[in-house]
Each structure stands twice: as C-alpha cells, then as structure tokens.
Amino acid sequence: MSDNKSTAVKRSDKAESILSQINRDTKLGELRKIAKEIKKDHELAMELWASGEFMPRLLAILIMDKNQLTQEVLDELDQDMQSHTLEERNNMMDWLMANHLTKDKKRIALLESWMDSPSALQRRAFWYYQARLRWTGKTPPDNTEDLVSKIEANIAEEEPEVQWAMNFTAGWIGVYEEKYRERCSQIGEKTGLYKDEFVSRGCTPNYLPEFIKMEVSKRS
C-alpha cells in the first residue's frame, strides 16, 4: 500500500469521477456528504487511498469497512500516512479512531494495545483514546495508576504528537480523578510543557496546572 505501488493501481470510473470532484479546497462537510451517499465501500476506499492525496484519503477513511482494519492493514495505512505533514497524519489517524477504531470491541482492543507501539501515530491514538474516555464523562477505566506512572516516566522524551496526547490524558485524569490531581499538575510543572504557549481568550491552556484548575472550576 506504499505510494510506489499506489501509482500503479488501476482506478475504476467511479473512483476517477469522485477524485475529479475533490481538491484541497473541498470542505469537510462536502466529504461527509459524498461519504453518506456512498455508504460503505472498502474497495473504493482503497482506490481513493491509493491516490496519495490528503482529502481523498479522508474520504476513504469515511467509507472503509472497519472489519477489514486488522493490525496489518492499519500498519500499512500508518506507513502511507508518513508521506503527509504532521498535522495531516494526526488528522487521518483521528478520523480512523473516531469513525472505526472505537466502534467495536475488536478495534478497541487494537487501540488499547498501542501504548508501546513502535509507531508514534499509534501511540498517540492510544493516549488520545484514553483522554477521550474521560473527557466524554465515561466512568474512568481502572488503568489510571498505570497511565499516570507511564506519563511521569516517558512524556519528556516522547515525540511531540504523542506528548500532546499524553498531556491531554493527564489533564482529564486530573480533572475527573481528584486523587491524581496533584500528580498530574506536577507533571506540567516538572516538564514545563506548553507553559509559554499563547492561548486565545476563553480557551483552556494545555499547561497542566492551568488546564486542570480551569476545567475543575467549570465543573464546581
């Protein structure tokens, strides 16, 4: 599924027609509308994915069959994403997670196995999922102690995209689980991550002591 192979893929008329309608200026809402009309079509998704272009790949994600997303296939998709910018890679993995990887027990089990994946994108997805469980108000899983210990040990050395997701997880643990609040704030104090980041008025900063304080006060 690498880009070298993808250029040789013979595309169907349907794929060619869809690709002719999509460019860099296509709105995400338009992609979702196209996907709604197509519904699920994994073969077409792979043709669109093989274009190597960002917007067609987002559309491809929307129409993939989640049952085809084995670890091997996800590793190949991950490898293909490496040709994109960091922001695009993160976007694609976030869409995969939101649209497929959180939808059934098999895919969730894959997500939950990625804490120590060799892929930074997969590690980021693991941590983002853990944060998401908490920020959506679900009962926190019983793995909080392990997560906090792992964040304390590894966050300073992690890749930036993973660092952000670990920080995000620590923030929501600090908000929802009072017994870990002080430890999570101290992670921010110790690392200094995002301390000097500019934040627009009304937005919550990523710096953990401030993030936790602000989000807790909103809920008091």
C-alpha atoms as a PDB file:
ATOM      1  CA  MET A   1       0.000   0.000   0.000  1.00  0.00           C
ATOM      2  CA  SER A   2       3.029   2.274  -0.300  1.00  0.00           C
ATOM      3  CA  ASP A   3       2.957   5.254  -2.647  1.00  0.00           C
ATOM      4  CA  ASN A   4       5.206   3.469  -5.177  1.00  0.00           C
ATOM      5  CA  LYS A   5       2.639   0.728  -5.555  1.00  0.00           C
ATOM      6  CA  SER A   6      -0.302   3.109  -5.376  1.00  0.00           C
ATOM      7  CA  THR A   7       0.626   4.965  -8.557  1.00  0.00           C
ATOM      8  CA  ALA A   8       0.229   1.700 -10.475  1.00  0.00           C
ATOM      9  CA  VAL A   9      -3.280   0.974  -9.183  1.00  0.00           C
ATOM     10  CA  LYS A  10      -5.833   0.955 -11.987  1.00  0.00           C
ATOM     11  CA  ARG A  11      -8.747   3.057 -10.838  1.00  0.00           C
ATOM     12  CA  SER A  12     -12.414   2.425 -11.579  1.00  0.00           C
ATOM     13  CA  ASP A  13     -14.534   5.036 -13.344  1.00  0.00           C
ATOM     14  CA  LYS A  14     -16.317   5.668 -10.047  1.00  0.00           C
ATOM     15  CA  ALA A  15     -13.034   6.438  -8.278  1.00  0.00           C
ATOM     16  CA  GLU A  16     -11.922   8.707 -11.142  1.00  0.00           C
ATOM     17  CA  SER A  17     -15.248  10.543 -11.008  1.00  0.00           C
ATOM     18  CA  ILE A  18     -15.009  11.114  -7.255  1.00  0.00           C
ATOM     19  CA  LEU A  19     -11.369  12.208  -7.445  1.00  0.00           C
ATOM     20  CA  SER A  20     -12.302  14.782 -10.091  1.00  0.00           C
ATOM     21  CA  GLN A  21     -14.729  16.357  -7.588  1.00  0.00           C
ATOM     22  CA  ILE A  22     -12.236  16.679  -4.723  1.00  0.00           C
ATOM     23  CA  ASN A  23      -9.351  19.086  -4.248  1.00  0.00           C
ATOM     24  CA  ARG A  24      -7.550  20.943  -1.469  1.00  0.00           C
ATOM     25  CA  ASP A  25     -10.434  23.439  -1.177  1.00  0.00           C
ATOM     26  CA  THR A  26     -13.119  20.786  -0.659  1.00  0.00           C
ATOM     27  CA  LYS A  27     -14.877  21.320   2.660  1.00  0.00           C
ATOM     28  CA  LEU A  28     -15.054  18.529   5.237  1.00  0.00           C
ATOM     29  CA  GLY A  29     -18.848  18.781   5.160  1.00  0.00           C
ATOM     30  CA  GLU A  30     -18.776  18.055   1.423  1.00  0.00           C
ATOM     31  CA  LEU A  31     -16.620  14.969   2.031  1.00  0.00           C
ATOM     32  CA  ARG A  32     -19.100  13.721   4.615  1.00  0.00           C
ATOM     33  CA  LYS A  33     -21.975  14.306   2.192  1.00  0.00           C
ATOM     34  CA  ILE A  34     -20.221  12.249  -0.525  1.00  0.00           C
ATOM     35  CA  ALA A  35     -19.454   9.527   2.016  1.00  0.00           C
ATOM     36  CA  LYS A  36     -23.099   9.420   3.104  1.00  0.00           C
ATOM     37  CA  GLU A  37     -24.166   8.779  -0.485  1.00  0.00           C
ATOM     38  CA  ILE A  38     -21.552   6.038  -0.976  1.00  0.00           C
ATOM     39  CA  LYS A  39     -22.091   4.446   2.467  1.00  0.00           C
ATOM     40  CA  LYS A  40     -19.537   1.626   2.948  1.00  0.00           C
ATOM     41  CA  ASP A  41     -17.297   0.557   0.053  1.00  0.00           C
ATOM     42  CA  HIS A  42     -13.899  -0.732   1.130  1.00  0.00           C
ATOM     43  CA  GLU A  43     -12.649  -1.446  -2.385  1.00  0.00           C
ATOM     44  CA  LEU A  44     -13.453   2.103  -3.491  1.00  0.00           C
ATOM     45  CA  ALA A  45     -11.880   3.404  -0.289  1.00  0.00           C
ATOM     46  CA  MET A  46      -8.606   1.681  -1.174  1.00  0.00           C
ATOM     47  CA  GLU A  47      -8.675   3.169  -4.680  1.00  0.00           C
ATOM     48  CA  LEU A  48      -9.141   6.656  -3.220  1.00  0.00           C
ATOM     49  CA  TRP A  49      -6.457   5.991  -0.606  1.00  0.00           C
ATOM     50  CA  ALA A  50      -4.024   4.957  -3.355  1.00  0.00           C
ATOM     51  CA  SER A  51      -4.214   8.500  -4.794  1.00  0.00           C
ATOM     52  CA  GLY A  52      -1.810   9.543  -2.040  1.00  0.00           C
ATOM     53  CA  GLU A  53      -3.727  12.813  -1.599  1.00  0.00           C
ATOM     54  CA  PHE A  54      -4.982  14.090   1.758  1.00  0.00           C
ATOM     55  CA  MET A  55      -8.638  14.895   1.003  1.00  0.00           C
ATOM     56  CA  PRO A  56      -9.322  11.668  -0.938  1.00  0.00           C
ATOM     57  CA  ARG A  57      -7.697   9.765   1.913  1.00  0.00           C
ATOM     58  CA  LEU A  58     -10.042  11.413   4.430  1.00  0.00           C
ATOM     59  CA  LEU A  59     -12.988  10.383   2.257  1.00  0.00           C
ATOM     60  CA  ALA A  60     -11.519   6.880   2.002  1.00  0.00           C
ATOM     61  CA  ILE A  61     -11.461   6.634   5.788  1.00  0.00           C
ATOM     62  CA  LEU A  62     -15.156   7.514   5.975  1.00  0.00           C
ATOM     63  CA  ILE A  63     -16.215   4.691   3.624  1.00  0.00           C
ATOM     64  CA  MET A  64     -13.834   1.955   4.804  1.00  0.00           C
ATOM     65  CA  ASP A  65     -15.186  -1.266   6.263  1.00  0.00           C
ATOM     66  CA  LYS A  66     -13.958  -1.380   9.858  1.00  0.00           C
ATOM     67  CA  ASN A  67     -13.982  -5.191   9.755  1.00  0.00           C
ATOM     68  CA  GLN A  68     -11.135  -5.042   7.220  1.00  0.00           C
ATOM     69  CA  LEU A  69      -8.971  -2.966   9.579  1.00  0.00           C
ATOM     70  CA  THR A  70      -6.626  -5.572  11.000  1.00  0.00           C
ATOM     71  CA  GLN A  71      -3.347  -4.615  12.682  1.00  0.00           C
ATOM     72  CA  GLU A  72      -1.527  -5.448   9.439  1.00  0.00           C
ATOM     73  CA  VAL A  73      -3.768  -3.174   7.351  1.00  0.00           C
ATOM     74  CA  LEU A  74      -3.535  -0.377   9.934  1.00  0.00           C
ATOM     75  CA  ASP A  75       0.267  -0.664   9.886  1.00  0.00           C
ATOM     76  CA  GLU A  76       0.195  -0.234   6.099  1.00  0.00           C
ATOM     77  CA  LEU A  77      -2.117   2.790   6.345  1.00  0.00           C
ATOM     78  CA  ASP A  78       0.147   4.209   9.044  1.00  0.00           C
ATOM     79  CA  GLN A  79       3.180   3.763   6.778  1.00  0.00           C
ATOM     80  CA  ASP A  80       1.370   5.536   3.928  1.00  0.00           C
ATOM     81  CA  MET A  81       0.493   8.451   6.219  1.00  0.00           C
ATOM     82  CA  GLN A  82       4.187   9.151   6.790  1.00  0.00           C
ATOM     83  CA  SER A  83       4.310  10.943   3.414  1.00  0.00           C
ATOM     84  CA  HIS A  84       1.993  13.653   4.835  1.00  0.00           C
ATOM     85  CA  THR A  85       2.630  16.599   7.127  1.00  0.00           C
ATOM     86  CA  LEU A  86       2.401  16.028  10.877  1.00  0.00           C
ATOM     87  CA  GLU A  87      -0.980  17.793  11.034  1.00  0.00           C
ATOM     88  CA  GLU A  88      -2.403  15.700   8.186  1.00  0.00           C
ATOM     89  CA  ARG A  89      -1.096  12.457   9.720  1.00  0.00           C
ATOM     90  CA  ASN A  90      -2.712  13.303  13.043  1.00  0.00           C
ATOM     91  CA  ASN A  91      -5.977  14.229  11.309  1.00  0.00           C
ATOM     92  CA  MET A  92      -6.134  10.961   9.411  1.00  0.00           C
ATOM     93  CA  MET A  93      -5.420   8.852  12.485  1.00  0.00           C
ATOM     94  CA  ASP A  94      -8.000  10.838  14.484  1.00  0.00           C
ATOM     95  CA  TRP A  95     -10.604  10.152  11.765  1.00  0.00           C
ATOM     96  CA  LEU A  96      -9.707   6.461  11.747  1.00  0.00           C
ATOM     97  CA  MET A  97     -10.105   6.368  15.504  1.00  0.00           C
ATOM     98  CA  ALA A  98     -13.391   8.283  15.645  1.00  0.00           C
ATOM     99  CA  ASN A  99     -15.040   6.539  12.683  1.00  0.00           C
ATOM    100  CA  HIS A 100     -13.804   2.962  13.117  1.00  0.00           C
ATOM    101  CA  LEU A 101     -11.421   2.118  15.948  1.00  0.00           C
ATOM    102  CA  THR A 102     -13.837   2.995  18.761  1.00  0.00           C
ATOM    103  CA  LYS A 103     -16.818   1.234  17.182  1.00  0.00           C
ATOM    104  CA  ASP A 104     -16.430  -2.369  18.314  1.00  0.00           C
ATOM    105  CA  LYS A 105     -14.541  -4.482  20.841  1.00  0.00           C
ATOM    106  CA  LYS A 106     -12.033  -5.860  18.316  1.00  0.00           C
ATOM    107  CA  ARG A 107     -10.940  -2.419  17.126  1.00  0.00           C
ATOM    108  CA  ILE A 108     -10.896  -1.037  20.691  1.00  0.00           C
ATOM    109  CA  ALA A 109      -8.653  -3.953  21.696  1.00  0.00           C
ATOM    110  CA  LEU A 110      -6.232  -2.929  18.932  1.00  0.00           C
ATOM    111  CA  LEU A 111      -6.271   0.679  20.128  1.00  0.00           C
ATOM    112  CA  GLU A 112      -5.639  -0.408  23.693  1.00  0.00           C
ATOM    113  CA  SER A 113      -2.630  -2.481  22.604  1.00  0.00           C
ATOM    114  CA  TRP A 114      -0.793   0.549  21.194  1.00  0.00           C
ATOM    115  CA  MET A 115       0.675   2.062  24.366  1.00  0.00           C
ATOM    116  CA  ASP A 116       4.150   0.810  23.403  1.00  0.00           C
ATOM    117  CA  SER A 117       3.689   0.593  19.634  1.00  0.00           C
ATOM    118  CA  PRO A 118       6.816   1.395  17.569  1.00  0.00           C
ATOM    119  CA  SER A 119       4.585   3.840  15.656  1.00  0.00           C
ATOM    120  CA  ALA A 120       4.265   7.340  17.141  1.00  0.00           C
ATOM    121  CA  LEU A 121       0.893   7.715  15.405  1.00  0.00           C
ATOM    122  CA  GLN A 122      -0.418   4.575  17.066  1.00  0.00           C
ATOM    123  CA  ARG A 123       0.944   5.604  20.477  1.00  0.00           C
ATOM    124  CA  ARG A 124      -0.762   8.977  20.018  1.00  0.00           C
ATOM    125  CA  ALA A 125      -4.046   7.237  19.184  1.00  0.00           C
ATOM    126  CA  PHE A 126      -3.736   5.109  22.339  1.00  0.00           C
ATOM    127  CA  TRP A 127      -3.331   8.169  24.549  1.00  0.00           C
ATOM    128  CA  TYR A 128      -5.948  10.233  22.751  1.00  0.00           C
ATOM    129  CA  TYR A 129      -8.427   7.396  23.237  1.00  0.00           C
ATOM    130  CA  GLN A 130      -7.648   7.243  26.973  1.00  0.00           C
ATOM    131  CA  ALA A 131      -8.244  11.001  27.221  1.00  0.00           C
ATOM    132  CA  ARG A 132     -11.439  10.720  25.201  1.00  0.00           C
ATOM    133  CA  LEU A 133     -12.884   8.077  27.553  1.00  0.00           C
ATOM    134  CA  ARG A 134     -12.506  10.537  30.406  1.00  0.00           C
ATOM    135  CA  TRP A 135     -13.497  13.787  28.719  1.00  0.00           C
ATOM    136  CA  THR A 136     -16.701  12.241  27.368  1.00  0.00           C
ATOM    137  CA  GLY A 137     -17.660  11.577  31.006  1.00  0.00           C
ATOM    138  CA  LYS A 138     -17.377   7.802  30.919  1.00  0.00           C
ATOM    139  CA  THR A 139     -16.513   6.041  34.175  1.00  0.00           C
ATOM    140  CA  PRO A 140     -12.701   6.128  34.247  1.00  0.00           C
ATOM    141  CA  PRO A 141     -11.182   2.725  33.476  1.00  0.00           C
ATOM    142  CA  ASP A 142      -9.180   1.076  36.256  1.00  0.00           C
ATOM    143  CA  ASN A 143      -5.855   1.740  34.491  1.00  0.00           C
ATOM    144  CA  THR A 144      -5.320   5.295  35.784  1.00  0.00           C
ATOM    145  CA  GLU A 145      -2.397   4.465  38.070  1.00  0.00           C
ATOM    146  CA  ASP A 146      -0.534   2.758  35.199  1.00  0.00           C
ATOM    147  CA  LEU A 147      -1.244   5.679  32.852  1.00  0.00           C
ATOM    148  CA  VAL A 148      -0.072   8.354  35.268  1.00  0.00           C
ATOM    149  CA  SER A 149       3.115   6.402  36.059  1.00  0.00           C
ATOM    150  CA  LYS A 150       3.806   5.930  32.333  1.00  0.00           C
ATOM    151  CA  ILE A 151       3.243   9.635  31.638  1.00  0.00           C
ATOM    152  CA  GLU A 152       5.538  10.648  34.506  1.00  0.00           C
ATOM    153  CA  ALA A 153       8.265   8.336  33.206  1.00  0.00           C
ATOM    154  CA  ASN A 154       8.044   8.969  29.452  1.00  0.00           C
ATOM    155  CA  ILE A 155       6.351  12.236  28.497  1.00  0.00           C
ATOM    156  CA  ALA A 156       9.521  14.337  28.433  1.00  0.00           C
ATOM    157  CA  GLU A 157      11.184  12.060  25.854  1.00  0.00           C
ATOM    158  CA  GLU A 158       8.171  11.351  23.643  1.00  0.00           C
ATOM    159  CA  GLU A 159       7.542  12.546  20.093  1.00  0.00           C
ATOM    160  CA  PRO A 160       5.649  15.894  20.065  1.00  0.00           C
ATOM    161  CA  GLU A 161       2.386  14.405  18.771  1.00  0.00           C
ATOM    162  CA  VAL A 162       2.446  11.673  21.435  1.00  0.00           C
ATOM    163  CA  GLN A 163       3.497  14.179  24.091  1.00  0.00           C
ATOM    164  CA  TRP A 164       0.411  16.270  23.342  1.00  0.00           C
ATOM    165  CA  ALA A 165      -1.934  13.272  23.716  1.00  0.00           C
ATOM    166  CA  MET A 166      -0.249  12.114  26.952  1.00  0.00           C
ATOM    167  CA  ASN A 167      -0.554  15.649  28.309  1.00  0.00           C
ATOM    168  CA  PHE A 168      -4.223  15.733  27.279  1.00  0.00           C
ATOM    169  CA  THR A 169      -4.840  12.446  29.091  1.00  0.00           C
ATOM    170  CA  ALA A 170      -3.081  13.702  32.239  1.00  0.00           C
ATOM    171  CA  GLY A 171      -5.241  16.817  32.091  1.00  0.00           C
ATOM    172  CA  TRP A 172      -8.530  14.918  32.057  1.00  0.00           C
ATOM    173  CA  ILE A 173      -7.351  12.451  34.693  1.00  0.00           C
ATOM    174  CA  GLY A 174      -6.540  15.466  36.887  1.00  0.00           C
ATOM    175  CA  VAL A 175      -9.967  16.942  36.257  1.00  0.00           C
ATOM    176  CA  TYR A 176     -12.061  13.833  36.907  1.00  0.00           C
ATOM    177  CA  GLU A 177      -9.985  11.858  39.423  1.00  0.00           C
ATOM    178  CA  GLU A 178      -9.182  14.006  42.427  1.00  0.00           C
ATOM    179  CA  LYS A 179      -6.692  11.558  43.950  1.00  0.00           C
ATOM    180  CA  TYR A 180      -4.413  12.069  40.914  1.00  0.00           C
ATOM    181  CA  ARG A 181      -4.964  15.828  40.548  1.00  0.00           C
ATOM    182  CA  GLU A 182      -1.777  16.941  42.295  1.00  0.00           C
ATOM    183  CA  ARG A 183       0.411  14.410  40.466  1.00  0.00           C
ATOM    184  CA  CYS A 184      -0.974  15.453  37.102  1.00  0.00           C
ATOM    185  CA  SER A 185      -0.393  19.147  37.846  1.00  0.00           C
ATOM    186  CA  GLN A 186       3.162  18.324  38.904  1.00  0.00           C
ATOM    187  CA  ILE A 187       3.814  16.631  35.545  1.00  0.00           C
ATOM    188  CA  GLY A 188       3.180  20.009  33.917  1.00  0.00           C
ATOM    189  CA  GLU A 189       5.295  21.875  36.457  1.00  0.00           C
ATOM    190  CA  LYS A 190       8.192  19.438  36.083  1.00  0.00           C
ATOM    191  CA  THR A 191       8.231  19.301  32.264  1.00  0.00           C
ATOM    192  CA  GLY A 192       7.131  22.903  31.634  1.00  0.00           C
ATOM    193  CA  LEU A 193       5.266  21.642  28.582  1.00  0.00           C
ATOM    194  CA  TYR A 194       3.041  24.321  26.988  1.00  0.00           C
ATOM    195  CA  LYS A 195       3.771  26.769  29.840  1.00  0.00           C
ATOM    196  CA  ASP A 196       4.605  29.598  27.441  1.00  0.00           C
ATOM    197  CA  GLU A 197       2.043  28.683  24.790  1.00  0.00           C
ATOM    198  CA  PHE A 198      -0.193  31.559  23.679  1.00  0.00           C
ATOM    199  CA  VAL A 199      -3.852  30.835  24.355  1.00  0.00           C
ATOM    200  CA  SER A 200      -6.769  32.823  22.905  1.00  0.00           C
ATOM    201  CA  ARG A 201      -9.140  34.385  25.388  1.00  0.00           C
ATOM    202  CA  GLY A 202     -11.765  31.914  26.602  1.00  0.00           C
ATOM    203  CA  CYS A 203      -9.701  28.864  25.573  1.00  0.00           C
ATOM    204  CA  THR A 204      -8.267  26.358  28.035  1.00  0.00           C
ATOM    205  CA  PRO A 205      -4.441  26.247  28.048  1.00  0.00           C
ATOM    206  CA  ASN A 206      -2.569  22.965  27.549  1.00  0.00           C
ATOM    207  CA  TYR A 207      -0.263  23.713  30.508  1.00  0.00           C
ATOM    208  CA  LEU A 208      -1.440  21.102  33.012  1.00  0.00           C
ATOM    209  CA  PRO A 209      -1.691  23.137  36.250  1.00  0.00           C
ATOM    210  CA  GLU A 210      -3.823  25.763  34.474  1.00  0.00           C
ATOM    211  CA  PHE A 211      -5.785  23.243  32.379  1.00  0.00           C
ATOM    212  CA  ILE A 212      -6.778  21.227  35.440  1.00  0.00           C
ATOM    213  CA  LYS A 213      -7.580  24.275  37.569  1.00  0.00           C
ATOM    214  CA  MET A 214      -9.790  25.852  34.878  1.00  0.00           C
ATOM    215  CA  GLU A 215     -11.643  22.657  33.928  1.00  0.00           C
ATOM    216  CA  VAL A 216     -12.257  21.723  37.594  1.00  0.00           C
ATOM    217  CA  SER A 217     -13.635  25.187  38.334  1.00  0.00           C
ATOM    218  CA  LYS A 218     -16.034  24.903  35.367  1.00  0.00           C
ATOM    219  CA  ARG A 219     -17.467  21.776  36.969  1.00  0.00           C
ATOM    220  CA  SER A 220     -17.670  23.129  40.538  1.00  0.00           C
END
